[in-house]
Amino acid sequence: TCPAYQEVRNAYGDLMCMQGVGCLHSEEEDGSSMTVLSEGRILHGSYRVLKDLTGVEVKGLQPMFGAGRFATLIKGVKVPPLTENLKNAVDSCKKICLSILKCEMWQYSVQGGCLYSDPDIETLAYPLTAASMVRNSTTAHFVIAGEWIQRSCSEPVPGLPVPTSPPSLTIPASPLAVTLAPLTTLEPPTAPPSVPPPTVP
């Protein structure tokens, strides 16, 4: 269940292996003197998208990194991410969620940054309703990307309907069904023939 790993060398030349969710910090930000030799995020199994969450405010999501993490530095001033940096921010947010097995939803907001679901911190409302997924709020306006995903241990099956799709109901023929012969009209019984009484000699 390891979401991510890094192979690093510290200031003393020691080789170290680190694992966990990880935070997107540069060496300048955290004062680290470690040199990253290799790193990666891991997707366990596969997934499929149940719903696009662009333009939706989902209540209960947790912050992963702020909108300023991929901000562009112009003349010493940080401005919101430009097109290329914005793509990297959205891609990083999605990959972080995919690497965490318990994550079912992720969103990127140009105001709030990367948000993801973490049931260990807060459980999302069930079932989801208009009260927990809001479209007409100011926060929803800033959400430019997001997905509600479903995990699978196997490869996804093309064309498989999402759980919200009503299943088609097919009633098979009963193995106990029998075909009845058509009813026939029975003739009324005939009277027995009359027998004459015996004669006395």
C-alpha atoms as a PDB file:
ATOM      1  CA  THR A   1       0.000   0.000   0.000  1.00  0.00           C
ATOM      2  CA  CYS A   2       3.020   2.308  -0.312  1.00  0.00           C
ATOM      3  CA  PRO A   3       1.920   5.422  -2.251  1.00  0.00           C
ATOM      4  CA  ALA A   4       5.378   6.772  -3.127  1.00  0.00           C
ATOM      5  CA  TYR A   5       9.088   6.231  -2.558  1.00  0.00           C
ATOM      6  CA  GLN A   6      12.380   8.076  -2.860  1.00  0.00           C
ATOM      7  CA  GLU A   7      15.955   6.857  -2.919  1.00  0.00           C
ATOM      8  CA  VAL A   8      18.091   9.682  -1.544  1.00  0.00           C
ATOM      9  CA  ARG A   9      21.626  10.397  -0.396  1.00  0.00           C
ATOM     10  CA  ASN A  10      22.046  12.642   2.622  1.00  0.00           C
ATOM     11  CA  ALA A  11      24.752  15.181   3.376  1.00  0.00           C
ATOM     12  CA  TYR A  12      26.970  12.455   4.911  1.00  0.00           C
ATOM     13  CA  GLY A  13      26.815  10.301   1.792  1.00  0.00           C
ATOM     14  CA  ASP A  14      24.469   7.722   3.319  1.00  0.00           C
ATOM     15  CA  LEU A  15      21.999   6.043   0.969  1.00  0.00           C
ATOM     16  CA  MET A  16      18.444   6.117   2.302  1.00  0.00           C
ATOM     17  CA  CYS A  17      15.070   4.814   1.169  1.00  0.00           C
ATOM     18  CA  MET A  18      11.991   6.860   2.097  1.00  0.00           C
ATOM     19  CA  GLN A  19       8.334   6.024   1.573  1.00  0.00           C
ATOM     20  CA  GLY A  20       4.918   7.499   2.273  1.00  0.00           C
ATOM     21  CA  VAL A  21       2.436   9.936   0.737  1.00  0.00           C
ATOM     22  CA  GLY A  22       5.062  12.640   0.503  1.00  0.00           C
ATOM     23  CA  CYS A  23       4.691  16.400   0.329  1.00  0.00           C
ATOM     24  CA  LEU A  24       5.651  18.502  -2.660  1.00  0.00           C
ATOM     25  CA  HIS A  25       8.496  20.533  -1.198  1.00  0.00           C
ATOM     26  CA  SER A  26      11.694  21.674  -2.850  1.00  0.00           C
ATOM     27  CA  GLU A  27      15.082  21.635  -1.140  1.00  0.00           C
ATOM     28  CA  GLU A  28      14.920  25.408  -0.810  1.00  0.00           C
ATOM     29  CA  GLU A  29      11.592  25.210   1.016  1.00  0.00           C
ATOM     30  CA  ASP A  30      12.411  22.536   3.584  1.00  0.00           C
ATOM     31  CA  GLY A  31      16.141  23.220   3.958  1.00  0.00           C
ATOM     32  CA  SER A  32      16.998  19.636   2.992  1.00  0.00           C
ATOM     33  CA  SER A  33      20.496  18.780   1.815  1.00  0.00           C
ATOM     34  CA  MET A  34      19.453  15.383   0.443  1.00  0.00           C
ATOM     35  CA  THR A  35      20.022  14.431  -3.162  1.00  0.00           C
ATOM     36  CA  VAL A  36      17.180  12.505  -4.773  1.00  0.00           C
ATOM     37  CA  LEU A  37      18.521   9.600  -6.853  1.00  0.00           C
ATOM     38  CA  SER A  38      15.214   8.011  -7.871  1.00  0.00           C
ATOM     39  CA  GLU A  39      11.567   8.363  -6.964  1.00  0.00           C
ATOM     40  CA  GLY A  40       8.090   7.358  -8.055  1.00  0.00           C
ATOM     41  CA  ARG A  41       4.410   7.059  -7.213  1.00  0.00           C
ATOM     42  CA  ILE A  42       2.645   3.698  -7.361  1.00  0.00           C
ATOM     43  CA  LEU A  43      -0.826   2.896  -8.666  1.00  0.00           C
ATOM     44  CA  HIS A  44      -2.091  -0.325  -7.075  1.00  0.00           C
ATOM     45  CA  GLY A  45      -4.561  -2.121  -9.357  1.00  0.00           C
ATOM     46  CA  SER A  46      -6.619  -0.027 -11.771  1.00  0.00           C
ATOM     47  CA  TYR A  47      -9.412   2.530 -11.620  1.00  0.00           C
ATOM     48  CA  ARG A  48     -12.214   4.060 -13.636  1.00  0.00           C
ATOM     49  CA  VAL A  49     -13.815   7.497 -13.477  1.00  0.00           C
ATOM     50  CA  LEU A  50     -17.386   7.557 -12.169  1.00  0.00           C
ATOM     51  CA  LYS A  51     -17.937  11.314 -12.432  1.00  0.00           C
ATOM     52  CA  ASP A  52     -16.121  14.460 -13.507  1.00  0.00           C
ATOM     53  CA  LEU A  53     -16.012  16.878 -10.557  1.00  0.00           C
ATOM     54  CA  THR A  54     -15.042  20.024 -12.455  1.00  0.00           C
ATOM     55  CA  GLY A  55     -17.080  22.972 -11.218  1.00  0.00           C
ATOM     56  CA  VAL A  56     -18.334  21.090  -8.147  1.00  0.00           C
ATOM     57  CA  GLU A  57     -17.593  21.834  -4.502  1.00  0.00           C
ATOM     58  CA  VAL A  58     -17.336  18.525  -2.632  1.00  0.00           C
ATOM     59  CA  LYS A  59     -17.711  18.908   1.112  1.00  0.00           C
ATOM     60  CA  GLY A  60     -15.220  17.053   3.302  1.00  0.00           C
ATOM     61  CA  LEU A  61     -12.133  16.935   1.064  1.00  0.00           C
ATOM     62  CA  GLN A  62      -8.711  17.484   2.616  1.00  0.00           C
ATOM     63  CA  PRO A  63      -5.894  19.792   1.399  1.00  0.00           C
ATOM     64  CA  MET A  64      -2.779  18.156  -0.072  1.00  0.00           C
ATOM     65  CA  PHE A  65      -0.898  21.208  -1.381  1.00  0.00           C
ATOM     66  CA  GLY A  66      -1.847  24.823  -1.946  1.00  0.00           C
ATOM     67  CA  ALA A  67      -2.451  26.682  -5.189  1.00  0.00           C
ATOM     68  CA  GLY A  68       0.840  28.514  -4.711  1.00  0.00           C
ATOM     69  CA  ARG A  69       2.905  25.302  -4.945  1.00  0.00           C
ATOM     70  CA  PHE A  70       3.071  25.546  -8.736  1.00  0.00           C
ATOM     71  CA  ALA A  71       2.870  29.332  -8.843  1.00  0.00           C
ATOM     72  CA  THR A  72       4.960  31.184 -11.394  1.00  0.00           C
ATOM     73  CA  LEU A  73       7.655  33.534 -10.133  1.00  0.00           C
ATOM     74  CA  ILE A  74       7.684  36.806 -12.104  1.00  0.00           C
ATOM     75  CA  LYS A  75      10.054  39.558 -10.994  1.00  0.00           C
ATOM     76  CA  GLY A  76      10.228  38.056  -7.535  1.00  0.00           C
ATOM     77  CA  VAL A  77       6.448  37.886  -7.132  1.00  0.00           C
ATOM     78  CA  LYS A  78       4.467  34.664  -7.151  1.00  0.00           C
ATOM     79  CA  VAL A  79       1.459  34.718  -9.487  1.00  0.00           C
ATOM     80  CA  PRO A  80      -1.110  31.950 -10.088  1.00  0.00           C
ATOM     81  CA  PRO A  81       0.183  29.023 -12.179  1.00  0.00           C
ATOM     82  CA  LEU A  82       0.392  29.654 -15.895  1.00  0.00           C
ATOM     83  CA  THR A  83      -0.871  27.093 -18.432  1.00  0.00           C
ATOM     84  CA  GLU A  84       2.045  24.629 -18.270  1.00  0.00           C
ATOM     85  CA  ASN A  85       2.434  24.848 -14.499  1.00  0.00           C
ATOM     86  CA  LEU A  86      -1.331  24.476 -14.120  1.00  0.00           C
ATOM     87  CA  LYS A  87      -1.246  21.208 -16.068  1.00  0.00           C
ATOM     88  CA  ASN A  88       1.537  19.945 -13.796  1.00  0.00           C
ATOM     89  CA  ALA A  89      -0.447  20.940 -10.700  1.00  0.00           C
ATOM     90  CA  VAL A  90      -3.566  19.075 -11.874  1.00  0.00           C
ATOM     91  CA  ASP A  91      -1.506  16.034 -12.913  1.00  0.00           C
ATOM     92  CA  SER A  92       0.304  15.921  -9.558  1.00  0.00           C
ATOM     93  CA  CYS A  93      -2.957  16.226  -7.631  1.00  0.00           C
ATOM     94  CA  LYS A  94      -4.520  13.358  -9.569  1.00  0.00           C
ATOM     95  CA  LYS A  95      -1.490  11.096  -9.190  1.00  0.00           C
ATOM     96  CA  ILE A  96      -1.330  11.698  -5.452  1.00  0.00           C
ATOM     97  CA  CYS A  97      -4.942  10.553  -5.079  1.00  0.00           C
ATOM     98  CA  LEU A  98      -4.399   7.519  -7.325  1.00  0.00           C
ATOM     99  CA  SER A  99      -1.409   6.442  -5.247  1.00  0.00           C
ATOM    100  CA  ILE A 100      -3.471   6.461  -2.018  1.00  0.00           C
ATOM    101  CA  LEU A 101      -5.758   3.421  -1.917  1.00  0.00           C
ATOM    102  CA  LYS A 102      -8.390   5.102   0.268  1.00  0.00           C
ATOM    103  CA  CYS A 103      -8.685   8.165  -1.947  1.00  0.00           C
ATOM    104  CA  GLU A 104     -11.931   8.190  -3.949  1.00  0.00           C
ATOM    105  CA  MET A 105     -12.093  11.853  -5.012  1.00  0.00           C
ATOM    106  CA  TRP A 106      -9.640  14.562  -5.962  1.00  0.00           C
ATOM    107  CA  GLN A 107     -10.023  18.161  -7.101  1.00  0.00           C
ATOM    108  CA  TYR A 108      -7.747  20.995  -8.100  1.00  0.00           C
ATOM    109  CA  SER A 109      -8.858  24.537  -7.362  1.00  0.00           C
ATOM    110  CA  VAL A 110      -6.985  27.630  -8.530  1.00  0.00           C
ATOM    111  CA  GLN A 111      -7.961  29.092  -5.175  1.00  0.00           C
ATOM    112  CA  GLY A 112      -7.563  26.199  -2.740  1.00  0.00           C
ATOM    113  CA  GLY A 113      -5.036  23.963  -4.517  1.00  0.00           C
ATOM    114  CA  CYS A 114      -5.148  20.166  -4.419  1.00  0.00           C
ATOM    115  CA  LEU A 115      -7.914  18.507  -2.403  1.00  0.00           C
ATOM    116  CA  TYR A 116      -8.484  14.781  -1.871  1.00  0.00           C
ATOM    117  CA  SER A 117     -10.695  12.439   0.138  1.00  0.00           C
ATOM    118  CA  ASP A 118      -9.199  10.818   3.223  1.00  0.00           C
ATOM    119  CA  PRO A 119     -11.619   8.709   5.314  1.00  0.00           C
ATOM    120  CA  ASP A 120      -9.068   8.565   8.146  1.00  0.00           C
ATOM    121  CA  ILE A 121      -9.570  12.316   8.627  1.00  0.00           C
ATOM    122  CA  GLU A 122     -13.178  12.859   7.516  1.00  0.00           C
ATOM    123  CA  THR A 123     -15.709  10.494   6.014  1.00  0.00           C
ATOM    124  CA  LEU A 124     -17.619  11.816   3.022  1.00  0.00           C
ATOM    125  CA  ALA A 125     -21.389  11.979   3.224  1.00  0.00           C
ATOM    126  CA  TYR A 126     -23.227   8.857   2.094  1.00  0.00           C
ATOM    127  CA  PRO A 127     -25.192   8.900  -0.023  1.00  0.00           C
ATOM    128  CA  LEU A 128     -23.855  11.983  -1.762  1.00  0.00           C
ATOM    129  CA  THR A 129     -26.536  14.614  -2.251  1.00  0.00           C
ATOM    130  CA  ALA A 130     -26.827  18.179  -3.519  1.00  0.00           C
ATOM    131  CA  ALA A 131     -25.959  19.307   0.019  1.00  0.00           C
ATOM    132  CA  SER A 132     -22.537  17.634  -0.114  1.00  0.00           C
ATOM    133  CA  MET A 133     -21.827  18.298  -3.817  1.00  0.00           C
ATOM    134  CA  VAL A 134     -22.552  21.979  -4.540  1.00  0.00           C
ATOM    135  CA  ARG A 135     -22.409  23.503  -8.035  1.00  0.00           C
ATOM    136  CA  ASN A 136     -23.488  27.105  -7.515  1.00  0.00           C
ATOM    137  CA  SER A 137     -20.989  28.174  -4.842  1.00  0.00           C
ATOM    138  CA  THR A 138     -18.012  30.504  -5.158  1.00  0.00           C
ATOM    139  CA  THR A 139     -15.688  27.639  -4.233  1.00  0.00           C
ATOM    140  CA  ALA A 140     -17.099  25.457  -7.033  1.00  0.00           C
ATOM    141  CA  HIS A 141     -16.321  28.210  -9.551  1.00  0.00           C
ATOM    142  CA  PHE A 142     -12.572  27.834  -8.872  1.00  0.00           C
ATOM    143  CA  VAL A 143     -12.489  24.019  -9.287  1.00  0.00           C
ATOM    144  CA  ILE A 144     -10.969  23.431 -12.739  1.00  0.00           C
ATOM    145  CA  ALA A 145     -10.415  19.653 -12.526  1.00  0.00           C
ATOM    146  CA  GLY A 146     -11.451  16.674 -10.437  1.00  0.00           C
ATOM    147  CA  GLU A 147     -12.686  13.101 -10.526  1.00  0.00           C
ATOM    148  CA  TRP A 148     -14.700  10.604  -8.509  1.00  0.00           C
ATOM    149  CA  ILE A 149     -13.000   7.252  -9.066  1.00  0.00           C
ATOM    150  CA  GLN A 150     -13.662   3.576  -8.384  1.00  0.00           C
ATOM    151  CA  ARG A 151     -10.844   1.152  -7.568  1.00  0.00           C
ATOM    152  CA  SER A 152     -10.402  -2.347  -8.959  1.00  0.00           C
ATOM    153  CA  CYS A 153      -7.864  -5.091  -8.346  1.00  0.00           C
ATOM    154  CA  SER A 154      -8.132  -6.189 -11.972  1.00  0.00           C
ATOM    155  CA  GLU A 155      -8.016  -4.440 -15.316  1.00  0.00           C
ATOM    156  CA  PRO A 156     -11.104  -2.323 -16.037  1.00  0.00           C
ATOM    157  CA  VAL A 157     -13.749  -3.898 -18.272  1.00  0.00           C
ATOM    158  CA  PRO A 158     -14.624  -1.654 -21.256  1.00  0.00           C
ATOM    159  CA  GLY A 159     -18.281  -0.717 -21.373  1.00  0.00           C
ATOM    160  CA  LEU A 160     -19.028  -1.832 -17.812  1.00  0.00           C
ATOM    161  CA  PRO A 161     -21.760   0.508 -16.487  1.00  0.00           C
ATOM    162  CA  VAL A 162     -21.000   2.630 -13.447  1.00  0.00           C
ATOM    163  CA  PRO A 163     -22.744   1.624 -10.194  1.00  0.00           C
ATOM    164  CA  THR A 164     -25.247   4.461 -10.570  1.00  0.00           C
ATOM    165  CA  SER A 165     -26.565   2.980 -13.812  1.00  0.00           C
ATOM    166  CA  PRO A 166     -29.773   0.970 -13.302  1.00  0.00           C
ATOM    167  CA  PRO A 167     -29.104  -2.715 -14.016  1.00  0.00           C
ATOM    168  CA  SER A 168     -31.027  -4.375 -16.777  1.00  0.00           C
ATOM    169  CA  LEU A 169     -33.436  -6.940 -15.345  1.00  0.00           C
ATOM    170  CA  THR A 170     -33.866 -10.209 -17.178  1.00  0.00           C
ATOM    171  CA  ILE A 171     -36.207 -12.824 -15.764  1.00  0.00           C
ATOM    172  CA  PRO A 172     -35.140 -16.285 -16.936  1.00  0.00           C
ATOM    173  CA  ALA A 173     -37.686 -18.971 -17.753  1.00  0.00           C
ATOM    174  CA  SER A 174     -38.485 -21.097 -14.756  1.00  0.00           C
ATOM    175  CA  PRO A 175     -37.165 -24.662 -15.000  1.00  0.00           C
ATOM    176  CA  LEU A 176     -40.397 -25.782 -13.299  1.00  0.00           C
ATOM    177  CA  ALA A 177     -42.665 -24.288 -15.932  1.00  0.00           C
ATOM    178  CA  VAL A 178     -44.920 -26.858 -17.580  1.00  0.00           C
ATOM    179  CA  THR A 179     -47.192 -26.634 -20.559  1.00  0.00           C
ATOM    180  CA  LEU A 180     -50.777 -27.505 -19.806  1.00  0.00           C
ATOM    181  CA  ALA A 181     -52.886 -29.336 -22.397  1.00  0.00           C
ATOM    182  CA  PRO A 182     -55.966 -27.433 -23.487  1.00  0.00           C
ATOM    183  CA  LEU A 183     -59.075 -28.300 -21.538  1.00  0.00           C
ATOM    184  CA  THR A 184     -61.680 -30.414 -23.317  1.00  0.00           C
ATOM    185  CA  THR A 185     -65.420 -30.427 -22.745  1.00  0.00           C
ATOM    186  CA  LEU A 186     -66.531 -33.665 -21.159  1.00  0.00           C
ATOM    187  CA  GLU A 187     -69.782 -35.232 -22.363  1.00  0.00           C
ATOM    188  CA  PRO A 188     -72.363 -35.886 -19.633  1.00  0.00           C
ATOM    189  CA  PRO A 189     -72.527 -39.550 -18.552  1.00  0.00           C
ATOM    190  CA  THR A 190     -75.132 -41.703 -20.288  1.00  0.00           C
ATOM    191  CA  ALA A 191     -77.837 -43.450 -18.280  1.00  0.00           C
ATOM    192  CA  PRO A 192     -77.456 -47.238 -17.894  1.00  0.00           C
ATOM    193  CA  PRO A 193     -79.801 -49.312 -20.081  1.00  0.00           C
ATOM    194  CA  SER A 194     -83.136 -50.251 -18.500  1.00  0.00           C
ATOM    195  CA  VAL A 195     -83.513 -53.918 -17.455  1.00  0.00           C
ATOM    196  CA  PRO A 196     -87.081 -55.419 -17.434  1.00  0.00           C
ATOM    197  CA  PRO A 197     -88.213 -56.973 -14.166  1.00  0.00           C
ATOM    198  CA  PRO A 198     -88.099 -60.792 -13.961  1.00  0.00           C
ATOM    199  CA  THR A 199     -91.313 -62.695 -14.691  1.00  0.00           C
ATOM    200  CA  VAL A 200     -92.785 -65.177 -12.149  1.00  0.00           C
ATOM    201  CA  PRO A 201     -93.816 -68.580 -13.639  1.00  0.00           C
END
